C-alpha atoms as a PDB file:
ATOM      1  CA  MET A   1      -1.434  18.224 -27.858  1.00  0.00           C
ATOM      2  CA  GLN A   2       2.158  17.267 -28.615  1.00  0.00           C
ATOM      3  CA  ALA A   3       4.086  14.471 -27.283  1.00  0.00           C
ATOM      4  CA  PRO A   4       6.789  15.426 -24.737  1.00  0.00           C
ATOM      5  CA  LYS A   5      10.057  14.791 -26.312  1.00  0.00           C
ATOM      6  CA  TYR A   6      11.333  12.524 -23.614  1.00  0.00           C
ATOM      7  CA  GLN A   7       8.733  10.043 -24.708  1.00  0.00           C
ATOM      8  CA  SER A   8       8.166   7.860 -27.414  1.00  0.00           C
ATOM      9  CA  LEU A   9       4.924   8.411 -29.237  1.00  0.00           C
ATOM     10  CA  LYS A  10       3.822   4.953 -28.233  1.00  0.00           C
ATOM     11  CA  ASP A  11       4.640   5.826 -24.722  1.00  0.00           C
ATOM     12  CA  HIS A  12       2.805   9.291 -24.911  1.00  0.00           C
ATOM     13  CA  VAL A  13      -0.511   7.487 -26.259  1.00  0.00           C
ATOM     14  CA  TYR A  14      -0.139   4.601 -23.260  1.00  0.00           C
ATOM     15  CA  ASN A  15       0.005   6.992 -20.592  1.00  0.00           C
ATOM     16  CA  TYR A  16      -2.766   9.106 -21.805  1.00  0.00           C
ATOM     17  CA  ILE A  17      -4.938   6.250 -21.779  1.00  0.00           C
ATOM     18  CA  ALA A  18      -3.568   4.849 -18.436  1.00  0.00           C
ATOM     19  CA  GLN A  19      -4.460   7.938 -17.124  1.00  0.00           C
ATOM     20  CA  LYS A  20      -8.001   8.412 -18.142  1.00  0.00           C
ATOM     21  CA  ILE A  21      -8.690   4.908 -17.160  1.00  0.00           C
ATOM     22  CA  GLN A  22      -6.989   5.304 -13.434  1.00  0.00           C
ATOM     23  CA  ASP A  23      -8.916   8.919 -13.088  1.00  0.00           C
ATOM     24  CA  GLY A  24     -12.235   7.146 -14.275  1.00  0.00           C
ATOM     25  CA  THR A  25     -12.877   9.065 -17.299  1.00  0.00           C
ATOM     26  CA  LEU A  26     -12.693   5.631 -19.169  1.00  0.00           C
ATOM     27  CA  LEU A  27     -14.712   3.222 -17.163  1.00  0.00           C
ATOM     28  CA  PRO A  28     -14.696  -0.610 -17.172  1.00  0.00           C
ATOM     29  CA  ASN A  29     -15.883  -2.492 -20.494  1.00  0.00           C
ATOM     30  CA  GLN A  30     -15.908   0.940 -22.199  1.00  0.00           C
ATOM     31  CA  LYS A  31     -14.880   0.655 -25.871  1.00  0.00           C
ATOM     32  CA  ILE A  32     -11.706   2.698 -26.896  1.00  0.00           C
ATOM     33  CA  ASN A  33     -12.215   5.022 -29.695  1.00  0.00           C
ATOM     34  CA  GLU A  34      -9.060   5.077 -31.861  1.00  0.00           C
ATOM     35  CA  ALA A  35      -9.628   8.009 -34.044  1.00  0.00           C
ATOM     36  CA  GLU A  36     -10.636  10.274 -31.200  1.00  0.00           C
ATOM     37  CA  ILE A  37      -7.253   9.532 -29.364  1.00  0.00           C
ATOM     38  CA  CYS A  38      -5.532  10.077 -32.744  1.00  0.00           C
ATOM     39  CA  LYS A  39      -6.926  12.983 -33.422  1.00  0.00           C
ATOM     40  CA  LYS A  40      -6.772  14.633 -29.639  1.00  0.00           C
ATOM     41  CA  LEU A  41      -3.044  13.627 -29.297  1.00  0.00           C
ATOM     42  CA  ASP A  42      -2.213  14.624 -32.948  1.00  0.00           C
ATOM     43  CA  ILE A  43      -0.556  11.033 -33.473  1.00  0.00           C
ATOM     44  CA  SER A  44      -0.859   8.562 -36.223  1.00  0.00           C
ATOM     45  CA  ARG A  45      -2.622   5.107 -36.201  1.00  0.00           C
ATOM     46  CA  THR A  46       0.674   3.022 -35.829  1.00  0.00           C
ATOM     47  CA  PRO A  47       1.723   4.084 -32.456  1.00  0.00           C
ATOM     48  CA  THR A  48      -1.536   4.360 -30.998  1.00  0.00           C
ATOM     49  CA  ARG A  49      -2.261   0.578 -31.978  1.00  0.00           C
ATOM     50  CA  GLU A  50       1.060  -0.183 -30.611  1.00  0.00           C
ATOM     51  CA  ALA A  51       0.127   1.454 -27.257  1.00  0.00           C
ATOM     52  CA  LEU A  52      -3.291  -0.373 -27.281  1.00  0.00           C
ATOM     53  CA  PHE A  53      -1.720  -3.632 -27.476  1.00  0.00           C
ATOM     54  CA  GLN A  54       0.859  -2.690 -24.927  1.00  0.00           C
ATOM     55  CA  LEU A  55      -2.158  -1.575 -22.673  1.00  0.00           C
ATOM     56  CA  THR A  56      -3.738  -4.969 -23.459  1.00  0.00           C
ATOM     57  CA  SER A  57      -0.759  -6.777 -22.533  1.00  0.00           C
ATOM     58  CA  ASP A  58      -0.584  -4.887 -19.205  1.00  0.00           C
ATOM     59  CA  ASN A  59      -4.029  -5.881 -18.416  1.00  0.00           C
ATOM     60  CA  LEU A  60      -5.537  -2.562 -18.629  1.00  0.00           C
ATOM     61  CA  LEU A  61      -7.621  -3.177 -21.875  1.00  0.00           C
ATOM     62  CA  GLU A  62      -9.204  -6.315 -23.492  1.00  0.00           C
ATOM     63  CA  TYR A  63      -8.828  -6.625 -27.399  1.00  0.00           C
ATOM     64  CA  LEU A  64     -11.893  -8.516 -29.205  1.00  0.00           C
ATOM     65  CA  PRO A  65     -11.596  -9.139 -32.990  1.00  0.00           C
ATOM     66  CA  ARG A  66     -13.647  -6.797 -35.076  1.00  0.00           C
ATOM     67  CA  ARG A  67     -14.928  -5.127 -31.824  1.00  0.00           C
ATOM     68  CA  GLY A  68     -11.839  -3.311 -31.064  1.00  0.00           C
ATOM     69  CA  PHE A  69     -10.395  -2.443 -27.535  1.00  0.00           C
ATOM     70  CA  THR A  70     -12.201  -1.814 -24.136  1.00  0.00           C
ATOM     71  CA  VAL A  71     -11.282  -1.307 -20.738  1.00  0.00           C
ATOM     72  CA  LYS A  72     -10.783  -4.482 -18.977  1.00  0.00           C
ATOM     73  CA  ALA A  73     -12.959  -5.250 -15.822  1.00  0.00           C
ATOM     74  CA  PHE A  74     -11.621  -7.112 -12.869  1.00  0.00           C
ATOM     75  CA  ASP A  75     -13.797  -9.775 -10.998  1.00  0.00           C
ATOM     76  CA  SER A  76     -13.513  -9.922  -7.156  1.00  0.00           C
ATOM     77  CA  LYS A  77     -11.070 -13.147  -7.461  1.00  0.00           C
ATOM     78  CA  LYS A  78      -8.751 -11.371  -9.886  1.00  0.00           C
ATOM     79  CA  LYS A  79      -8.500  -8.089  -7.689  1.00  0.00           C
ATOM     80  CA  LEU A  80      -7.912 -10.220  -4.877  1.00  0.00           C
ATOM     81  CA  ASP A  81      -4.877 -12.056  -6.877  1.00  0.00           C
ATOM     82  CA  PHE A  82      -3.441  -8.771  -7.969  1.00  0.00           C
ATOM     83  CA  SER A  83      -3.754  -7.270  -4.560  1.00  0.00           C
ATOM     84  CA  ARG A  84      -1.694 -10.101  -2.834  1.00  0.00           C
ATOM     85  CA  ILE A  85       0.986  -9.788  -5.376  1.00  0.00           C
ATOM     86  CA  ILE A  86       1.291  -6.083  -5.411  1.00  0.00           C
ATOM     87  CA  GLY A  87       1.656  -6.237  -1.575  1.00  0.00           C
ATOM     88  CA  THR A  88       4.326  -8.819  -1.542  1.00  0.00           C
ATOM     89  CA  LEU A  89       6.315  -6.901  -4.221  1.00  0.00           C
ATOM     90  CA  ASP A  90       5.602  -3.378  -2.854  1.00  0.00           C
ATOM     91  CA  ALA A  91       6.711  -4.649   0.524  1.00  0.00           C
ATOM     92  CA  LEU A  92      10.109  -6.026  -1.064  1.00  0.00           C
ATOM     93  CA  ALA A  93      10.641  -2.527  -2.725  1.00  0.00           C
ATOM     94  CA  ALA A  94      10.082  -0.620   0.715  1.00  0.00           C
ATOM     95  CA  THR A  95      12.737  -2.845   2.557  1.00  0.00           C
ATOM     96  CA  LEU A  96      15.101  -2.638  -0.411  1.00  0.00           C
ATOM     97  CA  ALA A  97      14.600   1.241  -0.099  1.00  0.00           C
ATOM     98  CA  VAL A  98      15.048   1.642   3.684  1.00  0.00           C
ATOM     99  CA  ASP A  99      18.859   2.324   3.355  1.00  0.00           C
ATOM    100  CA  HIS A 100      18.805   4.498   0.343  1.00  0.00           C
ATOM    101  CA  LEU A 101      15.958   7.047   1.359  1.00  0.00           C
ATOM    102  CA  GLN A 102      16.986  10.470   2.612  1.00  0.00           C
ATOM    103  CA  GLU A 103      15.185  12.473   5.118  1.00  0.00           C
ATOM    104  CA  SER A 104      14.133  14.968   2.200  1.00  0.00           C
ATOM    105  CA  ASP A 105      12.134  11.806   0.793  1.00  0.00           C
ATOM    106  CA  LEU A 106      10.508  11.129   3.881  1.00  0.00           C
ATOM    107  CA  ILE A 107       9.466  14.973   4.291  1.00  0.00           C
ATOM    108  CA  GLU A 108       8.085  14.573   0.848  1.00  0.00           C
ATOM    109  CA  MET A 109       6.092  11.351   1.837  1.00  0.00           C
ATOM    110  CA  GLU A 110       4.782  13.171   4.686  1.00  0.00           C
ATOM    111  CA  LYS A 111       3.607  16.230   2.689  1.00  0.00           C
ATOM    112  CA  LEU A 112       1.778  13.942   0.316  1.00  0.00           C
ATOM    113  CA  VAL A 113       0.118  12.199   3.243  1.00  0.00           C
ATOM    114  CA  ASN A 114      -1.208  15.538   4.403  1.00  0.00           C
ATOM    115  CA  LYS A 115      -2.222  16.292   0.602  1.00  0.00           C
ATOM    116  CA  MET A 116      -4.291  13.199   0.639  1.00  0.00           C
ATOM    117  CA  ASP A 117      -6.185  14.363   3.823  1.00  0.00           C
ATOM    118  CA  HIS A 118      -7.268  17.334   1.856  1.00  0.00           C
ATOM    119  CA  ASP A 119      -8.073  15.411  -1.265  1.00  0.00           C
ATOM    120  CA  ILE A 120     -10.238  12.974   1.101  1.00  0.00           C
ATOM    121  CA  ASN A 121     -11.959  15.954   2.676  1.00  0.00           C
ATOM    122  CA  ARG A 122     -12.975  17.243  -0.861  1.00  0.00           C
ATOM    123  CA  LEU A 123     -13.958  14.034  -2.074  1.00  0.00           C
ATOM    124  CA  ASP A 124     -11.525  14.480  -5.021  1.00  0.00           C
ATOM    125  CA  PHE A 125     -10.397  10.909  -5.545  1.00  0.00           C
ATOM    126  CA  THR A 126      -8.604  11.772  -8.825  1.00  0.00           C
ATOM    127  CA  ASP A 127      -6.249  13.677  -7.012  1.00  0.00           C
ATOM    128  CA  TYR A 128      -5.940  11.228  -4.231  1.00  0.00           C
ATOM    129  CA  HIS A 129      -4.997   8.579  -6.700  1.00  0.00           C
ATOM    130  CA  ALA A 130      -2.340  10.595  -8.142  1.00  0.00           C
ATOM    131  CA  ASP A 131      -0.767  11.754  -4.777  1.00  0.00           C
ATOM    132  CA  GLN A 132      -0.991   8.186  -3.361  1.00  0.00           C
ATOM    133  CA  TYR A 133       0.804   6.976  -6.413  1.00  0.00           C
ATOM    134  CA  GLN A 134       3.430   9.443  -6.185  1.00  0.00           C
ATOM    135  CA  PHE A 135       3.741   8.391  -2.350  1.00  0.00           C
ATOM    136  CA  HIS A 136       4.467   4.939  -3.075  1.00  0.00           C
ATOM    137  CA  GLU A 137       6.599   5.938  -6.280  1.00  0.00           C
ATOM    138  CA  ILE A 138       9.118   7.851  -3.911  1.00  0.00           C
ATOM    139  CA  TYR A 139      10.322   4.450  -1.975  1.00  0.00           C
ATOM    140  CA  THR A 140       9.695   2.262  -4.798  1.00  0.00           C
ATOM    141  CA  HIS A 141      12.215   4.227  -7.137  1.00  0.00           C
ATOM    142  CA  LYS A 142      14.893   4.151  -4.115  1.00  0.00           C
ATOM    143  CA  SER A 143      14.596   0.247  -4.162  1.00  0.00           C
ATOM    144  CA  ASP A 144      17.407   0.336  -6.977  1.00  0.00           C
ATOM    145  CA  ASN A 145      15.835  -2.832  -8.507  1.00  0.00           C
ATOM    146  CA  PRO A 146      14.546  -1.910 -12.170  1.00  0.00           C
ATOM    147  CA  ILE A 147      12.919  -5.061 -12.837  1.00  0.00           C
ATOM    148  CA  LEU A 148      10.933  -4.633  -9.330  1.00  0.00           C
ATOM    149  CA  ILE A 149      10.013  -1.266 -10.348  1.00  0.00           C
ATOM    150  CA  ASP A 150       8.892  -2.272 -13.990  1.00  0.00           C
ATOM    151  CA  MET A 151       6.716  -4.998 -12.644  1.00  0.00           C
ATOM    152  CA  LEU A 152       5.061  -2.961  -9.815  1.00  0.00           C
ATOM    153  CA  VAL A 153       4.254  -0.173 -12.506  1.00  0.00           C
ATOM    154  CA  SER A 154       2.594  -2.625 -14.731  1.00  0.00           C
ATOM    155  CA  LEU A 155       0.655  -4.540 -11.860  1.00  0.00           C
ATOM    156  CA  LYS A 156      -0.533  -1.123 -10.383  1.00  0.00           C
ATOM    157  CA  ASN A 157      -1.706  -0.038 -13.454  1.00  0.00           C
ATOM    158  CA  GLY A 158      -3.915  -2.926 -14.069  1.00  0.00           C
ATOM    159  CA  PHE A 159      -5.284  -3.137 -10.395  1.00  0.00           C
ATOM    160  CA  VAL A 160      -5.109   0.198  -8.814  1.00  0.00           C
ATOM    161  CA  ARG A 161      -7.197   1.999 -11.546  1.00  0.00           C
ATOM    162  CA  GLN A 162     -10.335   0.413 -10.163  1.00  0.00           C
ATOM    163  CA  SER A 163      -9.602   0.860  -6.463  1.00  0.00           C
ATOM    164  CA  TYR A 164     -11.291   4.286  -6.444  1.00  0.00           C
ATOM    165  CA  SER A 165     -14.500   3.686  -8.004  1.00  0.00           C
ATOM    166  CA  SER A 166     -17.617   3.983  -5.762  1.00  0.00           C
ATOM    167  CA  GLU A 167     -21.100   5.436  -6.104  1.00  0.00           C
ATOM    168  CA  ASP A 168     -21.055   5.941  -2.126  1.00  0.00           C
ATOM    169  CA  LYS A 169     -18.671   8.809  -2.002  1.00  0.00           C
ATOM    170  CA  LYS A 170     -18.957   8.952   1.785  1.00  0.00           C
ATOM    171  CA  LYS A 171     -18.069   5.624   2.319  1.00  0.00           C
ATOM    172  CA  LEU A 172     -15.329   5.528   0.033  1.00  0.00           C
ATOM    173  CA  ALA A 173     -13.847   8.580   2.040  1.00  0.00           C
ATOM    174  CA  ALA A 174     -14.216   6.522   5.000  1.00  0.00           C
ATOM    175  CA  VAL A 175     -12.031   3.912   3.574  1.00  0.00           C
ATOM    176  CA  MET A 176      -9.449   6.303   2.282  1.00  0.00           C
ATOM    177  CA  ASN A 177      -9.011   7.938   5.604  1.00  0.00           C
ATOM    178  CA  GLU A 178      -8.057   4.290   6.836  1.00  0.00           C
ATOM    179  CA  VAL A 179      -5.770   3.817   4.262  1.00  0.00           C
ATOM    180  CA  ASN A 180      -4.023   7.171   4.389  1.00  0.00           C
ATOM    181  CA  SER A 181      -3.525   6.305   8.133  1.00  0.00           C
ATOM    182  CA  GLU A 182      -1.447   3.392   7.059  1.00  0.00           C
ATOM    183  CA  HIS A 183       0.335   5.826   4.834  1.00  0.00           C
ATOM    184  CA  ARG A 184       1.505   7.656   7.823  1.00  0.00           C
ATOM    185  CA  ARG A 185       2.326   4.515   9.465  1.00  0.00           C
ATOM    186  CA  ILE A 186       4.709   3.565   6.456  1.00  0.00           C
ATOM    187  CA  VAL A 187       6.457   6.850   6.743  1.00  0.00           C
ATOM    188  CA  GLU A 188       7.075   6.160  10.393  1.00  0.00           C
ATOM    189  CA  LEU A 189       8.419   2.719   9.657  1.00  0.00           C
ATOM    190  CA  LEU A 190      10.654   3.976   7.017  1.00  0.00           C
ATOM    191  CA  ARG A 191      12.081   6.489   9.120  1.00  0.00           C
ATOM    192  CA  LEU A 192      12.845   3.638  11.838  1.00  0.00           C
ATOM    193  CA  LYS A 193      14.232   1.274   9.467  1.00  0.00           C
ATOM    194  CA  ASP A 194      11.861  -1.431  10.791  1.00  0.00           C
ATOM    195  CA  LYS A 195      11.787  -3.671   7.882  1.00  0.00           C
ATOM    196  CA  GLU A 196       9.933  -6.405   9.549  1.00  0.00           C
ATOM    197  CA  GLN A 197       7.087  -4.495  10.517  1.00  0.00           C
ATOM    198  CA  LEU A 198       7.141  -2.422   7.145  1.00  0.00           C
ATOM    199  CA  GLU A 199       6.642  -5.492   5.091  1.00  0.00           C
ATOM    200  CA  CYS A 200       3.756  -6.674   7.379  1.00  0.00           C
ATOM    201  CA  THR A 201       1.977  -3.349   7.183  1.00  0.00           C
ATOM    202  CA  LEU A 202       2.651  -2.824   3.165  1.00  0.00           C
ATOM    203  CA  LYS A 203       1.189  -6.521   2.513  1.00  0.00           C
ATOM    204  CA  TYR A 204      -1.972  -5.524   4.757  1.00  0.00           C
ATOM    205  CA  HIS A 205      -2.098  -2.128   3.156  1.00  0.00           C
ATOM    206  CA  TRP A 206      -2.839  -3.379  -0.539  1.00  0.00           C
ATOM    207  CA  ARG A 207      -5.307  -6.136   0.707  1.00  0.00           C
ATOM    208  CA  ILE A 208      -7.346  -3.616   2.750  1.00  0.00           C
ATOM    209  CA  ILE A 209      -7.954  -1.478  -0.403  1.00  0.00           C
ATOM    210  CA  ASP A 210      -9.185  -4.442  -2.169  1.00  0.00           C
ATOM    211  CA  THR A 211     -11.166  -5.820   0.450  1.00  0.00           C
ATOM    212  CA  ASP A 212     -13.059  -2.619   1.641  1.00  0.00           C
ATOM    213  CA  MET A 213     -14.006  -1.763  -1.779  1.00  0.00           C
ATOM    214  CA  LEU A 214     -15.697  -4.939  -3.287  1.00  0.00           C
END
């Protein structure tokens, strides 16, 4: 597997591992096999190590001397702390984006909401995660604030990745149906340019994901 030309080797490794964490292939407290990653991606040890340390800095991994890198596990307090920060920053991104979003953006978000309904019905939470990430990314990137965008990417990488794991798939689906109804509400508020309600809805949106899954 060759790295795309538009990514540095480090970024390619970073995104590969982050995705494996987010889709549940790599689980909390699981040790990272550096040699296997180098072989899989056909990349040398140096950019792989750089990516691993960056993932550690972004709270996805934990590094222990002589033991290597493991996927970081979040306790309930840390999840709650992350969710509150993400909710506040995501609400800010949405209110900044209101005046920059086109109707085509809102239509694309509506299509993703419908796709997420389908994901939930199939109990496919890997696809759900990818679709919800894309949903929020549409308005986040229209906030025209690169610093805010980077902060949200880092924080969500360290938090959202653990938001879709549960042994009770039916219970998880029920929670996701409620969350997806909020996605519909978010699109509606963006179309209405109702910044006050949008801010309240998004702050609650991130809190409910955390609270209902602990």
